[in-house]
Amino acid sequence: MQSDQDIINGLLSDTRDYAANIFVRKYQRFVFSVAQRYLKSYEDACDASQEVFIKAIRNIGNFRGECSLQTWLYRIVINVCHSMNKKKKLRSFITFNSFDSMPEAITYDYNPENSTMDIEFQKKFDNLMKQLPEKQRETFILRYIDELSYEEISQMLGTSIGGLKANYFQAVKKLASLLKPDGEI
């Protein structure tokens, strides 16, 4: 795996296509998982991921190196997701009377990742995550699921390491109590 600096140098040189391919492969899982957590839709997360990489590659010259490339990408993902959610809310307020008489299209919510996962477990896990306060949930997912260091999470969220450790501890404590037989979901 190439270093972030090698990828950045490649994106700024004539090997841009090759570097872009490596860049996307290195960070696609991370970008997609963050987008899916925020958007709660497989299709929207796919769209957001594409938009994130397009923006990142176009703006790589603006990357100042004050944080890691992953932290910079995280901020782009969050901004893209917020923008998509705003657009979605705006669209939900707009109604088109001319389409009221048309039959609804059949939609299939097919997620290839879920075809290999236990759907029941996913539902229980999602339910558990919803019961955590937002800061605890995000800290837990970034630390436990995405396996990021407290330093990386601190840069991403703009929170002190001590605060993150407290959030993580509280999240684990609450999840443990919810998983006990008397608090089972």
C-alpha atoms as a PDB file:
ATOM      1  CA  MET A   1       0.000   0.000   0.000  1.00  0.00           C
ATOM      2  CA  GLN A   2       1.396   3.375  -0.948  1.00  0.00           C
ATOM      3  CA  SER A   3       1.788   6.133   1.611  1.00  0.00           C
ATOM      4  CA  ASP A   4      -0.575   9.079   1.677  1.00  0.00           C
ATOM      5  CA  GLN A   5       2.242  11.374   0.552  1.00  0.00           C
ATOM      6  CA  ASP A   6       2.937   9.137  -2.474  1.00  0.00           C
ATOM      7  CA  ILE A   7      -0.759   9.242  -3.359  1.00  0.00           C
ATOM      8  CA  ILE A   8      -0.892  13.033  -3.013  1.00  0.00           C
ATOM      9  CA  ASN A   9       2.244  13.447  -5.137  1.00  0.00           C
ATOM     10  CA  GLY A  10       0.759  11.118  -7.752  1.00  0.00           C
ATOM     11  CA  LEU A  11      -2.514  13.036  -7.836  1.00  0.00           C
ATOM     12  CA  LEU A  12      -0.576  16.245  -8.415  1.00  0.00           C
ATOM     13  CA  SER A  13       1.568  14.760 -11.202  1.00  0.00           C
ATOM     14  CA  ASP A  14       1.104  13.099 -14.560  1.00  0.00           C
ATOM     15  CA  THR A  15       0.342   9.741 -12.864  1.00  0.00           C
ATOM     16  CA  ARG A  16      -2.982  11.158 -11.660  1.00  0.00           C
ATOM     17  CA  ASP A  17      -5.171   8.291 -12.933  1.00  0.00           C
ATOM     18  CA  TYR A  18      -3.026   5.630 -11.314  1.00  0.00           C
ATOM     19  CA  ALA A  19      -2.831   7.559  -8.031  1.00  0.00           C
ATOM     20  CA  ALA A  20      -6.600   8.179  -8.064  1.00  0.00           C
ATOM     21  CA  ASN A  21      -7.205   4.445  -8.417  1.00  0.00           C
ATOM     22  CA  ILE A  22      -4.950   3.687  -5.433  1.00  0.00           C
ATOM     23  CA  PHE A  23      -6.497   6.533  -3.420  1.00  0.00           C
ATOM     24  CA  VAL A  24     -10.036   5.235  -3.953  1.00  0.00           C
ATOM     25  CA  ARG A  25      -9.072   1.628  -3.202  1.00  0.00           C
ATOM     26  CA  LYS A  26      -7.312   2.636  -0.002  1.00  0.00           C
ATOM     27  CA  TYR A  27     -10.160   4.729   1.413  1.00  0.00           C
ATOM     28  CA  GLN A  28     -13.364   3.473  -0.244  1.00  0.00           C
ATOM     29  CA  ARG A  29     -14.445   1.271   2.677  1.00  0.00           C
ATOM     30  CA  PHE A  30     -13.901   4.070   5.179  1.00  0.00           C
ATOM     31  CA  VAL A  31     -15.690   6.720   3.081  1.00  0.00           C
ATOM     32  CA  PHE A  32     -18.617   4.416   2.304  1.00  0.00           C
ATOM     33  CA  SER A  33     -19.118   3.311   5.909  1.00  0.00           C
ATOM     34  CA  VAL A  34     -19.149   6.895   7.209  1.00  0.00           C
ATOM     35  CA  ALA A  35     -21.565   7.948   4.447  1.00  0.00           C
ATOM     36  CA  GLN A  36     -23.870   5.002   5.089  1.00  0.00           C
ATOM     37  CA  ARG A  37     -24.000   5.769   8.810  1.00  0.00           C
ATOM     38  CA  TYR A  38     -25.043   9.338   8.116  1.00  0.00           C
ATOM     39  CA  LEU A  39     -27.365   8.741   5.183  1.00  0.00           C
ATOM     40  CA  LYS A  40     -28.784   5.343   6.256  1.00  0.00           C
ATOM     41  CA  SER A  41     -29.184   4.307   2.638  1.00  0.00           C
ATOM     42  CA  TYR A  42     -26.951   2.072   0.551  1.00  0.00           C
ATOM     43  CA  GLU A  43     -27.717   3.933  -2.693  1.00  0.00           C
ATOM     44  CA  ASP A  44     -27.230   7.373  -1.149  1.00  0.00           C
ATOM     45  CA  ALA A  45     -23.946   6.239   0.425  1.00  0.00           C
ATOM     46  CA  CYS A  46     -22.738   5.044  -3.001  1.00  0.00           C
ATOM     47  CA  ASP A  47     -23.614   8.416  -4.532  1.00  0.00           C
ATOM     48  CA  ALA A  48     -22.005  10.291  -1.659  1.00  0.00           C
ATOM     49  CA  SER A  49     -18.833   8.202  -1.891  1.00  0.00           C
ATOM     50  CA  GLN A  50     -18.446   9.020  -5.577  1.00  0.00           C
ATOM     51  CA  GLU A  51     -18.990  12.707  -4.890  1.00  0.00           C
ATOM     52  CA  VAL A  52     -16.469  12.645  -2.018  1.00  0.00           C
ATOM     53  CA  PHE A  53     -13.723  11.151  -4.165  1.00  0.00           C
ATOM     54  CA  ILE A  54     -14.429  13.529  -7.049  1.00  0.00           C
ATOM     55  CA  LYS A  55     -14.210  16.517  -4.684  1.00  0.00           C
ATOM     56  CA  ALA A  56     -11.116  15.175  -2.945  1.00  0.00           C
ATOM     57  CA  ILE A  57      -9.228  14.497  -6.176  1.00  0.00           C
ATOM     58  CA  ARG A  58     -10.182  17.875  -7.659  1.00  0.00           C
ATOM     59  CA  ASN A  59      -9.146  19.687  -4.482  1.00  0.00           C
ATOM     60  CA  ILE A  60      -6.065  17.685  -3.492  1.00  0.00           C
ATOM     61  CA  GLY A  61      -3.957  20.783  -4.197  1.00  0.00           C
ATOM     62  CA  ASN A  62      -5.757  22.486  -1.293  1.00  0.00           C
ATOM     63  CA  PHE A  63      -4.750  19.740   1.152  1.00  0.00           C
ATOM     64  CA  ARG A  64      -2.344  21.451   3.563  1.00  0.00           C
ATOM     65  CA  GLY A  65      -1.201  18.383   5.466  1.00  0.00           C
ATOM     66  CA  GLU A  66      -2.237  19.795   8.863  1.00  0.00           C
ATOM     67  CA  CYS A  67      -4.110  16.545   9.485  1.00  0.00           C
ATOM     68  CA  SER A  68      -4.036  13.076   7.965  1.00  0.00           C
ATOM     69  CA  LEU A  69      -5.535  12.420   4.549  1.00  0.00           C
ATOM     70  CA  GLN A  70      -8.170  10.234   6.237  1.00  0.00           C
ATOM     71  CA  THR A  71      -9.191  13.076   8.562  1.00  0.00           C
ATOM     72  CA  TRP A  72      -9.449  15.450   5.583  1.00  0.00           C
ATOM     73  CA  LEU A  73     -11.614  12.874   3.746  1.00  0.00           C
ATOM     74  CA  TYR A  74     -13.817  12.469   6.818  1.00  0.00           C
ATOM     75  CA  ARG A  75     -14.627  16.197   6.779  1.00  0.00           C
ATOM     76  CA  ILE A  76     -15.479  16.004   3.068  1.00  0.00           C
ATOM     77  CA  VAL A  77     -17.766  12.996   3.697  1.00  0.00           C
ATOM     78  CA  ILE A  78     -19.586  14.820   6.486  1.00  0.00           C
ATOM     79  CA  ASN A  79     -20.038  17.938   4.338  1.00  0.00           C
ATOM     80  CA  VAL A  80     -21.322  15.920   1.374  1.00  0.00           C
ATOM     81  CA  CYS A  81     -23.739  13.974   3.622  1.00  0.00           C
ATOM     82  CA  HIS A  82     -25.071  17.160   5.210  1.00  0.00           C
ATOM     83  CA  SER A  83     -25.582  18.634   1.756  1.00  0.00           C
ATOM     84  CA  MET A  84     -27.384  15.504   0.523  1.00  0.00           C
ATOM     85  CA  ASN A  85     -29.642  15.465   3.608  1.00  0.00           C
ATOM     86  CA  LYS A  86     -30.540  19.130   3.044  1.00  0.00           C
ATOM     87  CA  LYS A  87     -31.426  18.409  -0.585  1.00  0.00           C
ATOM     88  CA  LYS A  88     -33.493  15.389   0.486  1.00  0.00           C
ATOM     89  CA  LYS A  89     -35.450  17.446   3.020  1.00  0.00           C
ATOM     90  CA  LEU A  90     -36.066  20.162   0.437  1.00  0.00           C
ATOM     91  CA  ARG A  91     -37.309  17.598  -2.100  1.00  0.00           C
ATOM     92  CA  SER A  92     -39.677  16.092   0.470  1.00  0.00           C
ATOM     93  CA  PHE A  93     -41.428  19.463   0.838  1.00  0.00           C
ATOM     94  CA  ILE A  94     -41.961  19.836  -2.882  1.00  0.00           C
ATOM     95  CA  THR A  95     -44.931  17.967  -4.326  1.00  0.00           C
ATOM     96  CA  PHE A  96     -45.680  17.437  -7.969  1.00  0.00           C
ATOM     97  CA  ASN A  97     -49.459  17.310  -8.482  1.00  0.00           C
ATOM     98  CA  SER A  98     -49.060  16.083 -12.043  1.00  0.00           C
ATOM     99  CA  PHE A  99     -47.519  12.862 -10.749  1.00  0.00           C
ATOM    100  CA  ASP A 100     -50.176  12.142  -8.086  1.00  0.00           C
ATOM    101  CA  SER A 101     -52.192   9.880 -10.374  1.00  0.00           C
ATOM    102  CA  MET A 102     -49.208   7.821 -11.496  1.00  0.00           C
ATOM    103  CA  PRO A 103     -48.703   4.420  -9.875  1.00  0.00           C
ATOM    104  CA  GLU A 104     -45.766   4.129  -7.520  1.00  0.00           C
ATOM    105  CA  ALA A 105     -42.659   2.533  -8.923  1.00  0.00           C
ATOM    106  CA  ILE A 106     -41.571  -0.695  -7.346  1.00  0.00           C
ATOM    107  CA  THR A 107     -38.312  -0.232  -5.530  1.00  0.00           C
ATOM    108  CA  TYR A 108     -36.000  -2.904  -4.344  1.00  0.00           C
ATOM    109  CA  ASP A 109     -33.761  -2.187  -1.409  1.00  0.00           C
ATOM    110  CA  TYR A 110     -31.073  -4.692  -2.329  1.00  0.00           C
ATOM    111  CA  ASN A 111     -27.813  -4.439  -0.480  1.00  0.00           C
ATOM    112  CA  PRO A 112     -25.124  -6.916  -1.556  1.00  0.00           C
ATOM    113  CA  GLU A 113     -23.312  -6.516   1.750  1.00  0.00           C
ATOM    114  CA  ASN A 114     -26.381  -7.691   3.661  1.00  0.00           C
ATOM    115  CA  SER A 115     -26.635 -10.823   1.538  1.00  0.00           C
ATOM    116  CA  THR A 116     -23.738 -12.280   3.525  1.00  0.00           C
ATOM    117  CA  MET A 117     -24.610 -10.711   6.855  1.00  0.00           C
ATOM    118  CA  ASP A 118     -27.224 -11.816   9.310  1.00  0.00           C
ATOM    119  CA  ILE A 119     -30.003  -9.288   8.755  1.00  0.00           C
ATOM    120  CA  GLU A 120     -31.466  -9.883  12.205  1.00  0.00           C
ATOM    121  CA  PHE A 121     -28.121  -9.070  13.840  1.00  0.00           C
ATOM    122  CA  GLN A 122     -27.865  -5.898  11.738  1.00  0.00           C
ATOM    123  CA  LYS A 123     -31.305  -4.775  12.902  1.00  0.00           C
ATOM    124  CA  LYS A 124     -30.408  -5.397  16.547  1.00  0.00           C
ATOM    125  CA  PHE A 125     -27.076  -3.621  16.163  1.00  0.00           C
ATOM    126  CA  ASP A 126     -28.745  -0.618  14.494  1.00  0.00           C
ATOM    127  CA  ASN A 127     -31.325  -0.519  17.288  1.00  0.00           C
ATOM    128  CA  LEU A 128     -28.539  -0.543  19.892  1.00  0.00           C
ATOM    129  CA  MET A 129     -26.662   2.240  18.097  1.00  0.00           C
ATOM    130  CA  LYS A 130     -29.817   4.385  17.948  1.00  0.00           C
ATOM    131  CA  GLN A 131     -30.047   4.214  21.735  1.00  0.00           C
ATOM    132  CA  LEU A 132     -26.654   5.867  22.166  1.00  0.00           C
ATOM    133  CA  PRO A 133     -26.302   9.661  22.164  1.00  0.00           C
ATOM    134  CA  GLU A 134     -24.831  10.920  18.874  1.00  0.00           C
ATOM    135  CA  LYS A 135     -21.340  11.708  20.218  1.00  0.00           C
ATOM    136  CA  GLN A 136     -21.052   8.339  21.945  1.00  0.00           C
ATOM    137  CA  ARG A 137     -22.318   6.537  18.851  1.00  0.00           C
ATOM    138  CA  GLU A 138     -19.868   8.259  16.507  1.00  0.00           C
ATOM    139  CA  THR A 139     -16.935   7.751  18.897  1.00  0.00           C
ATOM    140  CA  PHE A 140     -17.801   4.071  19.370  1.00  0.00           C
ATOM    141  CA  ILE A 141     -18.107   3.405  15.633  1.00  0.00           C
ATOM    142  CA  LEU A 142     -14.929   5.255  14.701  1.00  0.00           C
ATOM    143  CA  ARG A 143     -12.943   3.577  17.487  1.00  0.00           C
ATOM    144  CA  TYR A 144     -14.365   0.037  17.532  1.00  0.00           C
ATOM    145  CA  ILE A 145     -15.701  -0.524  14.010  1.00  0.00           C
ATOM    146  CA  ASP A 146     -13.313   1.647  11.964  1.00  0.00           C
ATOM    147  CA  GLU A 147     -10.425   0.923  14.382  1.00  0.00           C
ATOM    148  CA  LEU A 148      -9.123   4.501  14.400  1.00  0.00           C
ATOM    149  CA  SER A 149      -6.847   5.835  17.115  1.00  0.00           C
ATOM    150  CA  TYR A 150      -8.101   8.401  19.619  1.00  0.00           C
ATOM    151  CA  GLU A 151      -5.715  10.912  18.036  1.00  0.00           C
ATOM    152  CA  GLU A 152      -7.285  10.432  14.587  1.00  0.00           C
ATOM    153  CA  ILE A 153     -10.805  10.642  15.983  1.00  0.00           C
ATOM    154  CA  SER A 154      -9.857  13.759  17.942  1.00  0.00           C
ATOM    155  CA  GLN A 155      -8.743  15.457  14.727  1.00  0.00           C
ATOM    156  CA  MET A 156     -11.880  14.357  12.884  1.00  0.00           C
ATOM    157  CA  LEU A 157     -14.385  15.406  15.513  1.00  0.00           C
ATOM    158  CA  GLY A 158     -12.503  18.315  17.066  1.00  0.00           C
ATOM    159  CA  THR A 159     -12.864  16.788  20.535  1.00  0.00           C
ATOM    160  CA  SER A 160     -10.237  16.220  23.204  1.00  0.00           C
ATOM    161  CA  ILE A 161      -8.804  12.731  23.593  1.00  0.00           C
ATOM    162  CA  GLY A 162     -10.016  12.660  27.205  1.00  0.00           C
ATOM    163  CA  GLY A 163     -13.544  13.517  26.064  1.00  0.00           C
ATOM    164  CA  LEU A 164     -13.395  10.798  23.422  1.00  0.00           C
ATOM    165  CA  LYS A 165     -12.249   8.208  25.940  1.00  0.00           C
ATOM    166  CA  ALA A 166     -15.100   9.202  28.239  1.00  0.00           C
ATOM    167  CA  ASN A 167     -17.610   8.967  25.346  1.00  0.00           C
ATOM    168  CA  TYR A 168     -16.255   5.563  24.349  1.00  0.00           C
ATOM    169  CA  PHE A 169     -16.362   4.267  27.929  1.00  0.00           C
ATOM    170  CA  GLN A 170     -19.952   5.480  28.372  1.00  0.00           C
ATOM    171  CA  ALA A 171     -20.975   3.927  25.031  1.00  0.00           C
ATOM    172  CA  VAL A 172     -19.470   0.550  25.967  1.00  0.00           C
ATOM    173  CA  LYS A 173     -21.077   0.724  29.418  1.00  0.00           C
ATOM    174  CA  LYS A 174     -24.508   1.492  27.951  1.00  0.00           C
ATOM    175  CA  LEU A 175     -24.197  -1.195  25.260  1.00  0.00           C
ATOM    176  CA  ALA A 176     -23.179  -3.751  27.898  1.00  0.00           C
ATOM    177  CA  SER A 177     -26.226  -2.911  30.003  1.00  0.00           C
ATOM    178  CA  LEU A 178     -28.493  -3.151  26.951  1.00  0.00           C
ATOM    179  CA  LEU A 179     -27.069  -6.554  26.052  1.00  0.00           C
ATOM    180  CA  LYS A 180     -27.659  -8.061  29.513  1.00  0.00           C
ATOM    181  CA  PRO A 181     -30.524 -10.559  29.592  1.00  0.00           C
ATOM    182  CA  ASP A 182     -32.780  -8.148  31.536  1.00  0.00           C
ATOM    183  CA  GLY A 183     -31.987  -5.286  29.104  1.00  0.00           C
ATOM    184  CA  GLU A 184     -32.026  -7.428  25.969  1.00  0.00           C
ATOM    185  CA  ILE A 185     -33.562  -5.893  22.872  1.00  0.00           C
END
